[in-house]
C-alpha atoms as a PDB file:
ATOM      1  CA  MET A   1     -28.420  34.676  -1.276  1.00  0.00           C
ATOM      2  CA  THR A   2     -26.748  33.259   2.117  1.00  0.00           C
ATOM      3  CA  ASP A   3     -25.726  29.302   2.450  1.00  0.00           C
ATOM      4  CA  HIS A   4     -26.741  28.058   5.753  1.00  0.00           C
ATOM      5  CA  PRO A   5     -25.459  24.419   6.948  1.00  0.00           C
ATOM      6  CA  ALA A   6     -27.785  21.759   7.101  1.00  0.00           C
ATOM      7  CA  PRO A   7     -29.263  20.665   9.994  1.00  0.00           C
ATOM      8  CA  PRO A   8     -27.879  17.764  11.882  1.00  0.00           C
ATOM      9  CA  SER A   9     -29.233  14.311  10.721  1.00  0.00           C
ATOM     10  CA  SER A  10     -31.606  12.902  13.219  1.00  0.00           C
ATOM     11  CA  THR A  11     -30.005   9.374  12.654  1.00  0.00           C
ATOM     12  CA  THR A  12     -26.153   8.647  12.587  1.00  0.00           C
ATOM     13  CA  SER A  13     -25.136   6.680   9.422  1.00  0.00           C
ATOM     14  CA  SER A  14     -23.209   3.551  10.088  1.00  0.00           C
ATOM     15  CA  PRO A  15     -19.622   3.405   9.344  1.00  0.00           C
ATOM     16  CA  TRP A  16     -19.937  -0.281   8.144  1.00  0.00           C
ATOM     17  CA  SER A  17     -21.858  -1.728   5.082  1.00  0.00           C
ATOM     18  CA  THR A  18     -24.842  -4.284   5.392  1.00  0.00           C
ATOM     19  CA  ASP A  19     -23.564  -7.993   6.078  1.00  0.00           C
ATOM     20  CA  HIS A  20     -22.316  -9.938   2.872  1.00  0.00           C
ATOM     21  CA  ALA A  21     -20.068 -12.536   1.756  1.00  0.00           C
ATOM     22  CA  VAL A  22     -16.503 -11.042   2.378  1.00  0.00           C
ATOM     23  CA  GLN A  23     -13.303 -12.707   1.112  1.00  0.00           C
ATOM     24  CA  VAL A  24     -10.597 -12.309   3.896  1.00  0.00           C
ATOM     25  CA  VAL A  25      -7.154 -14.199   4.913  1.00  0.00           C
ATOM     26  CA  ARG A  26      -6.986 -15.254   8.860  1.00  0.00           C
ATOM     27  CA  ILE A  27      -3.387 -14.644  10.318  1.00  0.00           C
ATOM     28  CA  ARG A  28      -2.889 -16.510  13.445  1.00  0.00           C
ATOM     29  CA  VAL A  29      -0.594 -14.831  15.599  1.00  0.00           C
ATOM     30  CA  ALA A  30       1.401 -16.119  18.955  1.00  0.00           C
ATOM     31  CA  ASP A  31       2.225 -14.221  22.190  1.00  0.00           C
ATOM     32  CA  ALA A  32       4.796 -10.912  21.791  1.00  0.00           C
ATOM     33  CA  ARG A  33       8.171 -11.822  21.283  1.00  0.00           C
ATOM     34  CA  PRO A  34      11.253 -10.129  20.210  1.00  0.00           C
ATOM     35  CA  ALA A  35      11.346  -9.628  15.894  1.00  0.00           C
ATOM     36  CA  PRO A  36      14.407 -11.606  14.549  1.00  0.00           C
ATOM     37  CA  GLN A  37      16.596  -9.104  13.209  1.00  0.00           C
ATOM     38  CA  PRO A  38      16.862  -7.514  10.635  1.00  0.00           C
ATOM     39  CA  ASP A  39      13.265  -7.315  10.258  1.00  0.00           C
ATOM     40  CA  PRO A  40      12.281  -6.292   6.910  1.00  0.00           C
ATOM     41  CA  LEU A  41       9.459  -3.855   8.000  1.00  0.00           C
ATOM     42  CA  GLY A  42      11.662  -2.369  10.862  1.00  0.00           C
ATOM     43  CA  ARG A  43       9.835  -3.991  13.592  1.00  0.00           C
ATOM     44  CA  THR A  44      11.296  -4.670  17.162  1.00  0.00           C
ATOM     45  CA  HIS A  45       8.290  -7.268  18.339  1.00  0.00           C
ATOM     46  CA  LEU A  46       5.985  -9.563  16.823  1.00  0.00           C
ATOM     47  CA  GLY A  47       2.757 -11.182  17.995  1.00  0.00           C
ATOM     48  CA  TYR A  48       0.115 -10.336  20.363  1.00  0.00           C
ATOM     49  CA  ALA A  49      -0.027  -8.605  23.863  1.00  0.00           C
ATOM     50  CA  GLU A  50      -2.764  -7.363  26.342  1.00  0.00           C
ATOM     51  CA  GLY A  51      -3.223  -3.846  25.722  1.00  0.00           C
ATOM     52  CA  ILE A  52      -1.544  -3.140  22.605  1.00  0.00           C
ATOM     53  CA  THR A  53      -2.989  -0.444  19.978  1.00  0.00           C
ATOM     54  CA  PRO A  54      -4.630  -1.729  17.039  1.00  0.00           C
ATOM     55  CA  ASP A  55      -2.348   0.290  14.902  1.00  0.00           C
ATOM     56  CA  ALA A  56       0.828  -1.666  16.783  1.00  0.00           C
ATOM     57  CA  LEU A  57      -0.979  -5.019  16.440  1.00  0.00           C
ATOM     58  CA  TRP A  58      -1.574  -4.667  12.532  1.00  0.00           C
ATOM     59  CA  GLU A  59       2.142  -3.649  12.152  1.00  0.00           C
ATOM     60  CA  ARG A  60       3.155  -6.697  14.035  1.00  0.00           C
ATOM     61  CA  ALA A  61       0.805  -8.924  11.983  1.00  0.00           C
ATOM     62  CA  ARG A  62       0.511  -7.935   8.485  1.00  0.00           C
ATOM     63  CA  GLY A  63       3.655  -9.400   7.296  1.00  0.00           C
ATOM     64  CA  VAL A  64       6.164 -11.136   6.422  1.00  0.00           C
ATOM     65  CA  TRP A  65       4.219 -14.388   5.351  1.00  0.00           C
ATOM     66  CA  LYS A  66       4.321 -16.949   2.729  1.00  0.00           C
ATOM     67  CA  ALA A  67       1.106 -16.699   1.121  1.00  0.00           C
ATOM     68  CA  LYS A  68      -0.552 -17.374  -2.323  1.00  0.00           C
ATOM     69  CA  LEU A  69      -0.430 -14.328  -3.912  1.00  0.00           C
ATOM     70  CA  ALA A  70      -3.354 -14.646  -6.276  1.00  0.00           C
ATOM     71  CA  THR A  71      -5.821 -15.725  -3.391  1.00  0.00           C
ATOM     72  CA  LEU A  72      -4.348 -12.872  -1.200  1.00  0.00           C
ATOM     73  CA  ALA A  73      -5.091 -10.467  -3.925  1.00  0.00           C
ATOM     74  CA  GLU A  74      -8.890 -11.206  -3.809  1.00  0.00           C
ATOM     75  CA  CYS A  75      -9.169 -10.723  -0.130  1.00  0.00           C
ATOM     76  CA  ALA A  76     -11.011  -7.641   1.451  1.00  0.00           C
ATOM     77  CA  LEU A  77     -10.219  -7.836   4.916  1.00  0.00           C
ATOM     78  CA  ALA A  78      -7.174  -9.318   7.101  1.00  0.00           C
ATOM     79  CA  VAL A  79      -8.676 -11.179  10.210  1.00  0.00           C
ATOM     80  CA  ILE A  80      -5.865 -11.329  12.992  1.00  0.00           C
ATOM     81  CA  VAL A  81      -6.524 -14.123  15.536  1.00  0.00           C
ATOM     82  CA  HIS A  82      -4.963 -15.067  18.798  1.00  0.00           C
ATOM     83  CA  ASN A  83      -5.805 -17.806  21.040  1.00  0.00           C
ATOM     84  CA  GLY A  84      -8.921 -18.794  19.041  1.00  0.00           C
ATOM     85  CA  VAL A  85     -10.171 -15.115  19.230  1.00  0.00           C
ATOM     86  CA  VAL A  86     -10.228 -12.166  16.918  1.00  0.00           C
ATOM     87  CA  VAL A  87      -8.037  -9.422  18.011  1.00  0.00           C
ATOM     88  CA  GLY A  88      -7.622  -7.378  15.226  1.00  0.00           C
ATOM     89  CA  VAL A  89      -9.033  -6.344  11.347  1.00  0.00           C
ATOM     90  CA  GLY A  90      -7.497  -4.721   8.753  1.00  0.00           C
ATOM     91  CA  THR A  91      -8.145  -3.774   5.051  1.00  0.00           C
ATOM     92  CA  VAL A  92      -6.062  -5.398   2.273  1.00  0.00           C
ATOM     93  CA  GLU A  93      -5.336  -2.956  -0.095  1.00  0.00           C
ATOM     94  CA  SER A  94      -2.001  -4.013  -1.658  1.00  0.00           C
ATOM     95  CA  ILE A  95       0.559  -6.659  -1.180  1.00  0.00           C
ATOM     96  CA  ALA A  96       4.447  -5.589  -0.805  1.00  0.00           C
ATOM     97  CA  PRO A  97       6.667  -8.717  -1.768  1.00  0.00           C
ATOM     98  CA  HIS A  98       9.725  -8.849   0.611  1.00  0.00           C
ATOM     99  CA  GLY A  99      11.993 -11.710  -0.709  1.00  0.00           C
ATOM    100  CA  ASP A 100      10.044 -14.966  -1.061  1.00  0.00           C
ATOM    101  CA  ARG A 101       7.308 -13.392   1.361  1.00  0.00           C
ATOM    102  CA  VAL A 102       5.051 -10.647   1.499  1.00  0.00           C
ATOM    103  CA  ALA A 103       3.710  -8.197   3.758  1.00  0.00           C
ATOM    104  CA  ILE A 104      -0.058  -6.507   3.391  1.00  0.00           C
ATOM    105  CA  ASP A 105      -0.589  -3.071   3.194  1.00  0.00           C
ATOM    106  CA  GLY A 106      -3.724  -1.479   4.670  1.00  0.00           C
ATOM    107  CA  ARG A 107      -5.125   0.194   7.679  1.00  0.00           C
ATOM    108  CA  PRO A 108      -6.508  -1.503  11.005  1.00  0.00           C
ATOM    109  CA  LEU A 109     -10.307  -1.083  11.467  1.00  0.00           C
ATOM    110  CA  ALA A 110     -10.343  -0.581  15.366  1.00  0.00           C
ATOM    111  CA  ASN A 111     -13.966  -1.043  16.117  1.00  0.00           C
ATOM    112  CA  HIS A 112     -14.957  -3.881  13.430  1.00  0.00           C
ATOM    113  CA  PRO A 113     -17.813  -5.993  14.710  1.00  0.00           C
ATOM    114  CA  LEU A 114     -15.460  -9.292  14.264  1.00  0.00           C
ATOM    115  CA  ILE A 115     -13.207  -8.156  17.223  1.00  0.00           C
ATOM    116  CA  GLY A 116     -13.632 -10.256  20.180  1.00  0.00           C
ATOM    117  CA  LEU A 117     -15.368 -13.193  18.119  1.00  0.00           C
ATOM    118  CA  PRO A 118     -14.038 -16.681  17.850  1.00  0.00           C
ATOM    119  CA  ASP A 119     -12.114 -17.355  14.978  1.00  0.00           C
ATOM    120  CA  PRO A 120     -14.097 -17.495  11.840  1.00  0.00           C
ATOM    121  CA  LEU A 121     -11.694 -19.891   9.957  1.00  0.00           C
ATOM    122  CA  HIS A 122     -10.807 -21.834  12.458  1.00  0.00           C
ATOM    123  CA  ASN A 123      -8.894 -25.175  11.616  1.00  0.00           C
ATOM    124  CA  THR A 124      -6.184 -27.653  13.181  1.00  0.00           C
ATOM    125  CA  SER A 125      -3.305 -26.436  10.469  1.00  0.00           C
ATOM    126  CA  ARG A 126      -0.259 -25.242  11.666  1.00  0.00           C
ATOM    127  CA  ASN A 127      -0.041 -22.819   8.936  1.00  0.00           C
ATOM    128  CA  PRO A 128      -1.132 -19.135  10.659  1.00  0.00           C
ATOM    129  CA  ILE A 129      -2.276 -18.446   7.087  1.00  0.00           C
ATOM    130  CA  THR A 130      -5.914 -19.263   6.160  1.00  0.00           C
ATOM    131  CA  TYR A 131      -8.297 -17.833   3.376  1.00  0.00           C
ATOM    132  CA  GLY A 132     -12.014 -18.280   3.148  1.00  0.00           C
ATOM    133  CA  SER A 133     -15.608 -16.510   2.395  1.00  0.00           C
ATOM    134  CA  ILE A 134     -17.317 -15.280   5.601  1.00  0.00           C
ATOM    135  CA  THR A 135     -20.451 -13.232   6.042  1.00  0.00           C
ATOM    136  CA  THR A 136     -19.430  -9.651   7.947  1.00  0.00           C
ATOM    137  CA  VAL A 137     -19.354  -5.925   6.742  1.00  0.00           C
ATOM    138  CA  LEU A 138     -16.850  -3.675   5.135  1.00  0.00           C
ATOM    139  CA  PRO A 139     -16.040  -0.224   6.040  1.00  0.00           C
ATOM    140  CA  VAL A 140     -18.200   2.438   4.092  1.00  0.00           C
ATOM    141  CA  ALA A 141     -15.991   4.807   2.334  1.00  0.00           C
ATOM    142  CA  SER A 142     -16.053   8.463   3.749  1.00  0.00           C
ATOM    143  CA  PRO A 143     -17.844  11.227   1.507  1.00  0.00           C
ATOM    144  CA  PRO A 144     -15.180  13.838   0.291  1.00  0.00           C
ATOM    145  CA  ARG A 145     -14.398  16.516   2.586  1.00  0.00           C
ATOM    146  CA  ALA A 146     -15.219  19.785   1.760  1.00  0.00           C
ATOM    147  CA  TYR A 147     -13.212  22.270  -0.469  1.00  0.00           C
ATOM    148  CA  GLY A 148     -12.613  24.784   2.086  1.00  0.00           C
ATOM    149  CA  LYS A 149     -11.574  22.090   4.694  1.00  0.00           C
ATOM    150  CA  VAL A 150      -8.971  20.784   2.267  1.00  0.00           C
ATOM    151  CA  LEU A 151      -7.583  23.955   1.497  1.00  0.00           C
ATOM    152  CA  ALA A 152      -7.385  25.151   4.918  1.00  0.00           C
ATOM    153  CA  GLU A 153      -5.402  21.906   5.853  1.00  0.00           C
ATOM    154  CA  ALA A 154      -2.867  22.337   2.841  1.00  0.00           C
ATOM    155  CA  ILE A 155      -2.536  26.011   3.862  1.00  0.00           C
ATOM    156  CA  ALA A 156      -1.636  25.030   7.280  1.00  0.00           C
ATOM    157  CA  VAL A 157       0.680  22.153   6.275  1.00  0.00           C
ATOM    158  CA  LEU A 158       2.329  24.802   3.901  1.00  0.00           C
ATOM    159  CA  THR A 159       2.715  27.087   6.554  1.00  0.00           C
ATOM    160  CA  GLU A 160       4.084  24.579   9.112  1.00  0.00           C
ATOM    161  CA  ALA A 161       6.884  23.559   6.229  1.00  0.00           C
ATOM    162  CA  GLY A 162       7.729  27.548   5.681  1.00  0.00           C
ATOM    163  CA  ARG A 163       8.769  27.793   9.564  1.00  0.00           C
ATOM    164  CA  LEU A 164      10.937  24.595   9.760  1.00  0.00           C
ATOM    165  CA  ARG A 165      14.585  25.184  10.079  1.00  0.00           C
ATOM    166  CA  ARG A 166      17.305  23.045   9.184  1.00  0.00           C
ATOM    167  CA  SER A 167      20.853  22.470  10.864  1.00  0.00           C
ATOM    168  CA  VAL A 168      24.125  24.362   9.334  1.00  0.00           C
ATOM    169  CA  MET A 169      27.708  22.974   9.487  1.00  0.00           C
ATOM    170  CA  ARG A 170      30.550  25.076  10.832  1.00  0.00           C
ATOM    171  CA  PRO A 171      34.443  24.253  10.379  1.00  0.00           C
ATOM    172  CA  VAL A 172      36.125  23.255  13.177  1.00  0.00           C
ATOM    173  CA  GLU A 173      39.961  22.793  13.519  1.00  0.00           C
ATOM    174  CA  ALA A 174      41.531  19.288  14.246  1.00  0.00           C
ATOM    175  CA  GLU A 175      44.471  18.319  16.026  1.00  0.00           C
ATOM    176  CA  PRO A 176      47.485  19.336  13.843  1.00  0.00           C
ATOM    177  CA  ALA A 177      49.344  16.663  11.916  1.00  0.00           C
ATOM    178  CA  GLY A 178      52.672  17.416  11.631  1.00  0.00           C
ATOM    179  CA  ASN A 179      53.153  20.934  10.232  1.00  0.00           C
ATOM    180  CA  LEU A 180      49.422  20.898   8.802  1.00  0.00           C
ATOM    181  CA  ARG A 181      46.328  21.781  10.602  1.00  0.00           C
ATOM    182  CA  GLU A 182      43.414  19.989   9.235  1.00  0.00           C
ATOM    183  CA  SER A 183      39.705  21.153   9.393  1.00  0.00           C
ATOM    184  CA  ARG A 184      36.501  19.234   9.712  1.00  0.00           C
ATOM    185  CA  TRP A 185      33.178  20.191   9.849  1.00  0.00           C
ATOM    186  CA  GLU A 186      30.490  19.606  12.365  1.00  0.00           C
ATOM    187  CA  ILE A 187      26.638  20.571  13.045  1.00  0.00           C
ATOM    188  CA  ASP A 188      26.534  23.910  14.612  1.00  0.00           C
ATOM    189  CA  PRO A 189      24.943  23.601  18.022  1.00  0.00           C
ATOM    190  CA  ASP A 190      23.645  27.308  17.991  1.00  0.00           C
ATOM    191  CA  ARG A 191      22.747  27.962  14.652  1.00  0.00           C
ATOM    192  CA  THR A 192      19.980  26.885  12.324  1.00  0.00           C
ATOM    193  CA  GLU A 193      18.589  28.718   9.020  1.00  0.00           C
ATOM    194  CA  PRO A 194      15.501  28.712   7.269  1.00  0.00           C
ATOM    195  CA  SER A 195      14.429  25.100   5.325  1.00  0.00           C
ATOM    196  CA  ASP A 196      14.248  25.179   1.333  1.00  0.00           C
ATOM    197  CA  TRP A 197      10.748  25.778   1.455  1.00  0.00           C
ATOM    198  CA  ALA A 198      10.409  25.920  -2.687  1.00  0.00           C
ATOM    199  CA  GLU A 199      11.999  22.221  -2.721  1.00  0.00           C
ATOM    200  CA  PHE A 200       9.377  21.235  -0.159  1.00  0.00           C
ATOM    201  CA  VAL A 201       6.297  22.941  -2.440  1.00  0.00           C
ATOM    202  CA  SER A 202       7.951  21.206  -5.751  1.00  0.00           C
ATOM    203  CA  LEU A 203       8.297  17.785  -3.992  1.00  0.00           C
ATOM    204  CA  ALA A 204       5.036  17.951  -2.804  1.00  0.00           C
ATOM    205  CA  LEU A 205       3.114  18.909  -5.865  1.00  0.00           C
ATOM    206  CA  ALA A 206       5.160  16.045  -7.615  1.00  0.00           C
ATOM    207  CA  GLY A 207       4.312  13.770  -5.333  1.00  0.00           C
ATOM    208  CA  ALA A 208       0.732  14.833  -5.486  1.00  0.00           C
ATOM    209  CA  THR A 209       0.468  14.691  -9.250  1.00  0.00           C
ATOM    210  CA  ALA A 210       2.126  11.235  -9.490  1.00  0.00           C
ATOM    211  CA  ASN A 211      -0.657   9.916  -7.117  1.00  0.00           C
ATOM    212  CA  LEU A 212      -3.728  11.737  -9.396  1.00  0.00           C
ATOM    213  CA  GLY A 213      -2.045   9.516 -12.444  1.00  0.00           C
ATOM    214  CA  GLY A 214      -0.093  12.429 -14.290  1.00  0.00           C
ATOM    215  CA  ILE A 215      -0.150  16.058 -15.122  1.00  0.00           C
ATOM    216  CA  ASP A 216      -2.829  16.108 -17.518  1.00  0.00           C
ATOM    217  CA  THR A 217      -4.962  14.207 -15.173  1.00  0.00           C
ATOM    218  CA  ALA A 218      -4.292  16.676 -12.489  1.00  0.00           C
ATOM    219  CA  LEU A 219      -5.034  19.709 -14.351  1.00  0.00           C
ATOM    220  CA  ALA A 220      -8.271  18.569 -15.925  1.00  0.00           C
ATOM    221  CA  GLY A 221     -10.502  20.961 -13.998  1.00  0.00           C
ATOM    222  CA  ARG A 222      -9.139  23.839 -15.600  1.00  0.00           C
ATOM    223  CA  SER A 223      -6.129  22.666 -17.663  1.00  0.00           C
ATOM    224  CA  GLY A 224      -6.326  26.315 -19.742  1.00  0.00           C
ATOM    225  CA  SER A 225      -5.913  28.751 -16.608  1.00  0.00           C
ATOM    226  CA  TRP A 226      -2.956  30.772 -16.015  1.00  0.00           C
ATOM    227  CA  GLU A 227      -2.791  28.714 -12.539  1.00  0.00           C
ATOM    228  CA  ALA A 228      -2.703  25.606 -14.563  1.00  0.00           C
ATOM    229  CA  ALA A 229      -0.044  26.914 -16.525  1.00  0.00           C
ATOM    230  CA  GLY A 230       2.249  27.731 -13.779  1.00  0.00           C
ATOM    231  CA  VAL A 231       1.612  24.582 -11.737  1.00  0.00           C
ATOM    232  CA  ARG A 232       2.605  22.543 -15.075  1.00  0.00           C
ATOM    233  CA  ASN A 233       5.795  24.653 -15.330  1.00  0.00           C
ATOM    234  CA  LEU A 234       6.547  23.731 -11.740  1.00  0.00           C
ATOM    235  CA  VAL A 235       5.893  20.237 -12.117  1.00  0.00           C
ATOM    236  CA  GLU A 236       7.691  19.417 -15.004  1.00  0.00           C
ATOM    237  CA  SER A 237      10.595  21.341 -14.098  1.00  0.00           C
ATOM    238  CA  THR A 238      10.866  18.644 -11.124  1.00  0.00           C
ATOM    239  CA  VAL A 239       9.757  15.507 -13.178  1.00  0.00           C
ATOM    240  CA  GLY A 240      10.770  16.835 -16.587  1.00  0.00           C
ATOM    241  CA  ALA A 241       8.645  17.805 -19.590  1.00  0.00           C
ATOM    242  CA  ASP A 242       8.099  14.314 -20.411  1.00  0.00           C
ATOM    243  CA  GLU A 243       7.127  13.113 -17.010  1.00  0.00           C
ATOM    244  CA  SER A 244       9.855  10.716 -17.220  1.00  0.00           C
ATOM    245  CA  ASP A 245      10.738  11.178 -13.509  1.00  0.00           C
ATOM    246  CA  LEU A 246       7.159  11.600 -11.963  1.00  0.00           C
ATOM    247  CA  TRP A 247       6.512   7.850 -10.761  1.00  0.00           C
ATOM    248  CA  ARG A 248       9.028   7.905  -8.539  1.00  0.00           C
ATOM    249  CA  HIS A 249       7.424  10.589  -6.526  1.00  0.00           C
ATOM    250  CA  ARG A 250       4.362   8.348  -6.173  1.00  0.00           C
ATOM    251  CA  THR A 251       3.227   7.747  -2.659  1.00  0.00           C
ATOM    252  CA  GLU A 252       0.036   5.849  -2.835  1.00  0.00           C
ATOM    253  CA  PRO A 253      -0.163   2.197  -3.631  1.00  0.00           C
ATOM    254  CA  LEU A 254      -0.887   1.217  -7.425  1.00  0.00           C
ATOM    255  CA  HIS A 255      -3.489  -0.943  -8.042  1.00  0.00           C
ATOM    256  CA  LEU A 256      -3.007  -3.117 -11.262  1.00  0.00           C
ATOM    257  CA  THR A 257      -5.839  -5.763 -12.502  1.00  0.00           C
ATOM    258  CA  LEU A 258      -4.133  -8.446 -14.882  1.00  0.00           C
ATOM    259  CA  PHE A 259      -6.375 -10.450 -17.344  1.00  0.00           C
ATOM    260  CA  VAL A 260      -4.269 -13.489 -17.266  1.00  0.00           C
ATOM    261  CA  GLU A 261      -6.022 -15.503 -19.885  1.00  0.00           C
ATOM    262  CA  ASP A 262      -6.383 -12.340 -22.219  1.00  0.00           C
ATOM    263  CA  LEU A 263      -2.732 -11.998 -22.171  1.00  0.00           C
ATOM    264  CA  ILE A 264      -1.611 -15.274 -22.604  1.00  0.00           C
ATOM    265  CA  MET A 265      -4.072 -15.403 -25.481  1.00  0.00           C
ATOM    266  CA  GLU A 266      -2.912 -12.103 -26.995  1.00  0.00           C
ATOM    267  CA  ARG A 267       0.977 -12.655 -26.476  1.00  0.00           C
ATOM    268  CA  THR A 268       1.592 -15.977 -27.168  1.00  0.00           C
ATOM    269  CA  ASN A 269       0.449 -19.074 -29.671  1.00  0.00           C
ATOM    270  CA  VAL A 270      -1.628 -20.763 -26.933  1.00  0.00           C
ATOM    271  CA  TRP A 271      -4.129 -22.018 -29.135  1.00  0.00           C
ATOM    272  CA  ALA A 272      -1.907 -23.067 -32.154  1.00  0.00           C
ATOM    273  CA  ASP A 273      -0.052 -24.706 -29.265  1.00  0.00           C
ATOM    274  CA  TYR A 274      -3.138 -26.425 -27.941  1.00  0.00           C
ATOM    275  CA  ASP A 275      -4.291 -27.554 -31.401  1.00  0.00           C
ATOM    276  CA  ALA A 276      -1.199 -29.192 -32.175  1.00  0.00           C
ATOM    277  CA  ALA A 277      -0.909 -31.244 -28.999  1.00  0.00           C
ATOM    278  CA  GLN A 278      -4.547 -32.363 -29.685  1.00  0.00           C
ATOM    279  CA  ARG A 279      -3.141 -33.758 -33.235  1.00  0.00           C
ATOM    280  CA  THR A 280      -0.375 -35.154 -31.379  1.00  0.00           C
ATOM    281  CA  ILE A 281      -2.729 -37.115 -28.983  1.00  0.00           C
ATOM    282  CA  GLN A 282      -5.187 -38.110 -31.659  1.00  0.00           C
ATOM    283  CA  GLN A 283      -2.293 -39.266 -33.869  1.00  0.00           C
ATOM    284  CA  MET A 284      -1.061 -41.338 -30.465  1.00  0.00           C
ATOM    285  CA  TYR A 285      -4.251 -42.850 -30.238  1.00  0.00           C
ATOM    286  CA  SER A 286      -4.647 -44.022 -33.579  1.00  0.00           C
ATOM    287  CA  GLU A 287      -1.213 -45.635 -33.583  1.00  0.00           C
ATOM    288  CA  ALA A 288      -2.192 -47.373 -30.508  1.00  0.00           C
ATOM    289  CA  GLU A 289      -5.284 -48.721 -32.044  1.00  0.00           C
ATOM    290  CA  SER A 290      -3.624 -49.708 -34.805  1.00  0.00           C
ATOM    291  CA  ALA A 291      -0.927 -51.589 -32.832  1.00  0.00           C
ATOM    292  CA  VAL A 292      -3.927 -53.449 -30.585  1.00  0.00           C
ATOM    293  CA  VAL A 293      -5.289 -54.499 -34.145  1.00  0.00           C
ATOM    294  CA  LEU A 294      -2.123 -56.018 -35.589  1.00  0.00           C
ATOM    295  CA  THR A 295      -1.334 -57.818 -32.499  1.00  0.00           C
ATOM    296  CA  ALA A 296      -5.085 -59.341 -32.257  1.00  0.00           C
END
């Protein structure tokens, strides 16, 4: 039986969800200007300029700000506003601390319907950061790509890595110091050598394994196969059999959900302290009432 591709759909699915209430952070930016140095994000300029690309604007606007972390963590979108008009929109996927300030990690949404509309959270505050709920759309998650396409891309990347070359050093005699002739090393301008492809593959596997959540999670599809055993040995040789060195290879942000109330209840004597405070307050009331009666 031969598999045939499905016929093209007669309708193009929208990249956006339907309108609904979305929590957003509004970032108001000024005109383009040089970034104070050193800049925590390595930028040379901040602010908005006519014709700026969505990626460049996102980098200029996503940080660093003094922000309410708990409120910012609830936001799904960052709306960038210049002169009262939305000039950019991006996702809020994680928050990166930089001292007492933070930067938003996410991706710009170049064609979001809010772009070009008036500031949806307009106010007269001088603070460029504002939070609120607006009715808008979110990007629809793309369906996973086919196995064959992902495999072809992985092969292409590994092939490209195997063709990389690295510089080699050569000794160069320096000017004699007294009766001694010293040597120094410099990059040879005419020679290169193959890069360490095995190291590249090992680091790539370690990074992917960390992103997936660990060796067992990565190999869950067929953990007893000979391929899985070979991959496990290679990854363990890079990160340790106990995976103690695995997490420094992770490249994707790690999302943690903290239930603060539960943590407080489990790790403190909050209810005992609350009851003790209630008893103290009640005793103070009783003593005050007694004092009023005696005075009368």
